[in-house]
């Protein structure tokens, strides 16, 4: 085989690998599709708190949170959960733990290993001050990839979801879109959402609103209900 044939083969392998990697990353963060619910028969609301785990709330070399930002957002999440449970509404937490050797390789290479199997930061942040009615482990961004979540919401007659947690541009966005696609009414407690990219989150939030998500403030929820 000539040198140019070898070079061509290497380039081809790299292109195939890059395409596979891009496809895998899109699958990890894109919304999923599922059956549309009968919202008229589901009068209950629930709070869904996404991925507030030690791995994702700590500062790392590549990810630095603004001072006191995480403390404030977690305090708001705790208040939302207390209010929801006082009204008899279920509170669900999720934790993101990636599956698969290649996915965990990518997360180690591109994502500082955060959320990878074997990490010591996979549990909920210790500042979370409530006991969820259900805690779900997921391996992709959209929580609706979990059959457990859909079954829980069906059992409890939930047709309206309030979403909080992180990251706004990834798991929050994909879960909100997954919920909308299934016919849920979706509220975003925007002052209880964390995003490491504030500018990007402004664009993501606008996109979600354009698709039917309602923005609410955590302080307003207690007054409105």
Protein backbone atom coordinates (compact mmCIF):
# COMPACT_ATOMS: atom_id res chain seq x y z
CA UNK A 1 0.00 0.00 0.00
CA UNK A 2 1.41 3.42 -0.96
CA UNK A 3 1.98 6.21 1.53
CA UNK A 4 -0.93 8.19 0.04
CA UNK A 5 -3.21 5.18 0.36
CA UNK A 6 -2.30 4.93 4.03
CA UNK A 7 -2.90 8.66 4.52
CA UNK A 8 -6.25 8.37 2.77
CA UNK A 9 -7.23 5.43 4.95
CA UNK A 10 -6.27 7.31 8.12
CA UNK A 11 -8.28 10.36 7.04
CA UNK A 12 -11.28 8.15 6.25
CA UNK A 13 -11.08 6.48 9.66
CA UNK A 14 -10.82 9.87 11.38
CA UNK A 15 -13.83 11.21 9.48
CA UNK A 16 -15.90 8.14 10.34
CA UNK A 17 -14.84 8.45 13.98
CA UNK A 18 -15.69 12.16 14.06
CA UNK A 19 -19.12 11.48 12.55
CA UNK A 20 -19.80 8.72 15.06
CA UNK A 21 -18.68 10.93 17.92
CA UNK A 22 -20.92 13.80 16.78
CA UNK A 23 -23.86 11.42 16.42
CA UNK A 24 -23.26 10.00 19.90
CA UNK A 25 -23.05 13.48 21.46
CA UNK A 26 -26.27 14.54 19.74
CA UNK A 27 -28.00 11.42 21.06
CA UNK A 28 -26.80 12.19 24.57
CA UNK A 29 -28.33 15.67 24.59
CA UNK A 30 -31.22 15.65 22.11
CA UNK A 31 -34.88 15.31 23.17
CA UNK A 32 -36.52 11.92 22.91
CA UNK A 33 -39.91 11.09 21.41
CA UNK A 34 -42.78 9.20 22.98
CA UNK A 35 -46.54 8.73 23.17
CA UNK A 36 -48.66 11.85 23.65
CA UNK A 37 -50.54 11.90 26.94
CA UNK A 38 -54.22 12.73 27.48
CA UNK A 39 -53.57 15.93 29.40
CA UNK A 40 -57.27 16.43 30.19
CA UNK A 41 -57.19 13.33 32.39
CA UNK A 42 -54.06 14.41 34.23
CA UNK A 43 -54.76 17.24 36.62
CA UNK A 44 -51.73 16.89 38.89
CA UNK A 45 -48.53 18.92 38.81
CA UNK A 46 -45.03 17.77 39.70
CA UNK A 47 -41.61 19.33 40.23
CA UNK A 48 -38.74 17.79 38.27
CA UNK A 49 -35.25 18.70 39.53
CA UNK A 50 -32.54 17.72 37.07
CA UNK A 51 -29.00 16.56 37.84
CA UNK A 52 -28.08 18.75 40.83
CA UNK A 53 -25.14 16.45 41.55
CA UNK A 54 -21.81 17.06 43.22
CA UNK A 55 -20.01 16.56 39.90
CA UNK A 56 -21.92 19.35 38.21
CA UNK A 57 -22.19 21.90 41.03
CA UNK A 58 -18.51 22.00 41.90
CA UNK A 59 -15.89 24.24 40.30
CA UNK A 60 -13.43 22.49 38.00
CA UNK A 61 -10.53 23.65 35.85
CA UNK A 62 -12.80 24.20 32.84
CA UNK A 63 -16.03 25.12 34.68
CA UNK A 64 -16.12 27.93 37.21
CA UNK A 65 -19.44 28.99 38.75
CA UNK A 66 -19.98 32.63 39.79
CA UNK A 67 -19.50 33.18 43.51
CA UNK A 68 -22.60 32.25 45.56
CA UNK A 69 -24.56 31.42 42.37
CA UNK A 70 -24.94 27.72 43.11
CA UNK A 71 -25.88 28.39 46.75
CA UNK A 72 -28.66 30.75 45.67
CA UNK A 73 -30.05 28.42 43.03
CA UNK A 74 -30.05 25.40 45.31
CA UNK A 75 -31.83 27.46 47.98
CA UNK A 76 -34.53 28.28 45.43
CA UNK A 77 -34.80 24.63 44.41
CA UNK A 78 -35.20 23.64 48.07
CA UNK A 79 -37.95 26.22 48.48
CA UNK A 80 -39.74 24.99 45.35
CA UNK A 81 -39.60 21.41 46.61
CA UNK A 82 -40.93 22.37 50.04
CA UNK A 83 -43.82 24.28 48.46
CA UNK A 84 -44.65 21.44 46.07
CA UNK A 85 -44.65 18.80 48.78
CA UNK A 86 -46.75 21.02 51.04
CA UNK A 87 -49.35 21.08 48.24
CA UNK A 88 -49.18 17.30 47.92
CA UNK A 89 -47.36 17.40 44.59
CA UNK A 90 -44.61 14.88 43.88
CA UNK A 91 -41.00 15.99 43.61
CA UNK A 92 -38.72 13.99 41.34
CA UNK A 93 -34.95 14.25 41.12
CA UNK A 94 -32.73 12.86 38.40
CA UNK A 95 -29.05 11.98 38.36
CA UNK A 96 -27.03 11.72 35.18
CA UNK A 97 -24.64 8.77 35.01
CA UNK A 98 -23.29 8.02 31.56
CA UNK A 99 -23.38 4.46 30.22
CA UNK A 100 -21.17 2.69 27.71
CA UNK A 101 -17.42 2.50 27.31
CA UNK A 102 -17.20 4.89 24.37
CA UNK A 103 -19.51 7.44 25.96
CA UNK A 104 -17.53 7.38 29.19
CA UNK A 105 -14.33 7.74 27.14
CA UNK A 106 -15.77 10.85 25.48
CA UNK A 107 -16.87 12.29 28.82
CA UNK A 108 -13.41 11.67 30.22
CA UNK A 109 -11.82 13.32 27.19
CA UNK A 110 -14.20 16.23 26.64
CA UNK A 111 -16.16 16.60 29.87
CA UNK A 112 -13.58 16.24 32.65
CA UNK A 113 -15.12 12.89 33.57
CA UNK A 114 -18.13 14.58 35.17
CA UNK A 115 -21.04 12.16 35.36
CA UNK A 116 -18.90 9.22 34.28
CA UNK A 117 -19.22 5.87 36.01
CA UNK A 118 -16.84 5.63 38.92
CA UNK A 119 -16.84 9.35 39.64
CA UNK A 120 -17.15 10.30 43.31
CA UNK A 121 -19.62 13.09 42.53
CA UNK A 122 -22.66 11.20 41.22
CA UNK A 123 -24.90 11.76 44.25
CA UNK A 124 -27.14 14.78 44.74
CA UNK A 125 -25.46 17.90 46.05
CA UNK A 126 -25.35 17.74 49.86
CA UNK A 127 -27.13 21.10 50.02
CA UNK A 128 -30.31 19.58 48.58
CA UNK A 129 -32.54 19.72 51.65
CA UNK A 130 -35.53 17.59 50.70
CA UNK A 131 -36.30 13.92 50.21
CA UNK A 132 -37.60 13.36 46.67
CA UNK A 133 -40.62 11.19 46.05
CA UNK A 134 -38.60 9.50 43.36
CA UNK A 135 -34.95 9.63 42.30
CA UNK A 136 -34.20 8.48 38.77
CA UNK A 137 -30.84 7.62 37.27
CA UNK A 138 -30.60 8.48 33.57
CA UNK A 139 -27.82 8.12 31.02
CA UNK A 140 -28.79 10.86 28.53
CA UNK A 141 -29.92 14.46 28.81
CA UNK A 142 -33.67 14.02 28.37
CA UNK A 143 -35.17 12.54 31.54
CA UNK A 144 -38.02 11.12 29.44
CA UNK A 145 -35.62 8.53 28.11
CA UNK A 146 -36.34 6.82 31.43
CA UNK A 147 -39.39 4.56 31.40
CA UNK A 148 -39.47 4.98 35.19
CA UNK A 149 -40.26 8.67 34.83
CA UNK A 150 -43.12 8.16 32.40
CA UNK A 151 -44.60 5.39 34.56
CA UNK A 152 -44.37 7.55 37.71
CA UNK A 153 -46.04 10.54 36.04
CA UNK A 154 -48.81 8.33 34.68
CA UNK A 155 -49.45 6.70 38.06
CA UNK A 156 -49.68 10.11 39.74
CA UNK A 157 -51.83 11.69 37.04
CA UNK A 158 -49.26 14.38 36.23
CA UNK A 159 -49.96 16.56 33.21
CA UNK A 160 -48.00 19.67 34.22
CA UNK A 161 -44.30 19.74 34.98
CA UNK A 162 -42.23 22.44 36.63
CA UNK A 163 -38.58 22.00 35.76
CA UNK A 164 -35.54 23.21 37.68
CA UNK A 165 -31.91 22.13 37.93
CA UNK A 166 -29.07 22.00 35.44
CA UNK A 167 -27.69 22.51 32.91
CA UNK A 168 -30.13 24.89 31.25
CA UNK A 169 -28.67 24.47 27.76
CA UNK A 170 -28.49 20.70 27.89
CA UNK A 171 -30.52 18.44 30.18
CA UNK A 172 -33.06 21.11 31.10
CA UNK A 173 -33.62 22.04 27.47
CA UNK A 174 -33.83 18.46 26.17
CA UNK A 175 -36.16 17.37 28.99
CA UNK A 176 -38.44 20.36 28.47
CA UNK A 177 -38.65 19.59 24.75
CA UNK A 178 -39.22 15.90 25.49
CA UNK A 179 -42.09 16.85 27.80
CA UNK A 180 -43.63 19.24 25.28
CA UNK A 181 -43.49 16.61 22.56
CA UNK A 182 -45.47 14.26 24.80
CA UNK A 183 -48.18 16.84 25.47
CA UNK A 184 -47.24 18.00 28.97
CA UNK A 185 -47.70 21.58 30.06
CA UNK A 186 -44.19 22.73 30.93
CA UNK A 187 -43.20 25.48 33.33
CA UNK A 188 -39.59 26.50 33.76
CA UNK A 189 -38.64 27.92 37.14
CA UNK A 190 -36.02 30.08 35.49
CA UNK A 191 -34.49 31.44 38.69
CA UNK A 192 -33.96 27.84 39.86
CA UNK A 193 -32.07 26.78 36.71
CA UNK A 194 -28.29 26.68 36.53
CA UNK A 195 -26.23 27.04 33.39
CA UNK A 196 -22.49 27.31 33.09
CA UNK A 197 -23.03 29.41 29.91
CA UNK A 198 -25.28 32.39 30.78
CA UNK A 199 -25.30 33.81 27.24
CA UNK A 200 -26.09 30.44 25.72
CA UNK A 201 -28.82 29.94 28.30
CA UNK A 202 -30.47 33.21 27.26
CA UNK A 203 -30.79 31.83 23.71
CA UNK A 204 -31.93 28.39 24.88
CA UNK A 205 -34.56 29.92 27.15
CA UNK A 206 -35.92 32.05 24.30
CA UNK A 207 -36.13 28.94 22.11
CA UNK A 208 -38.04 27.04 24.78
CA UNK A 209 -40.51 29.90 25.22
CA UNK A 210 -41.06 30.03 21.45
CA UNK A 211 -42.00 26.35 21.56
CA UNK A 212 -44.51 26.67 24.38
CA UNK A 213 -42.62 26.56 27.68
CA UNK A 214 -43.96 28.99 30.31
CA UNK A 215 -41.39 30.89 32.35
CA UNK A 216 -42.13 31.32 36.04
CA UNK A 217 -40.20 32.67 39.01
CA UNK A 218 -39.84 30.48 42.07
CA UNK A 219 -41.06 33.32 44.29
CA UNK A 220 -44.21 33.66 42.16
CA UNK A 221 -45.18 30.03 42.41
CA UNK A 222 -46.05 30.24 46.09
CA UNK A 223 -48.22 33.29 45.50
CA UNK A 224 -49.95 32.00 42.38
CA UNK A 225 -51.03 28.63 43.80
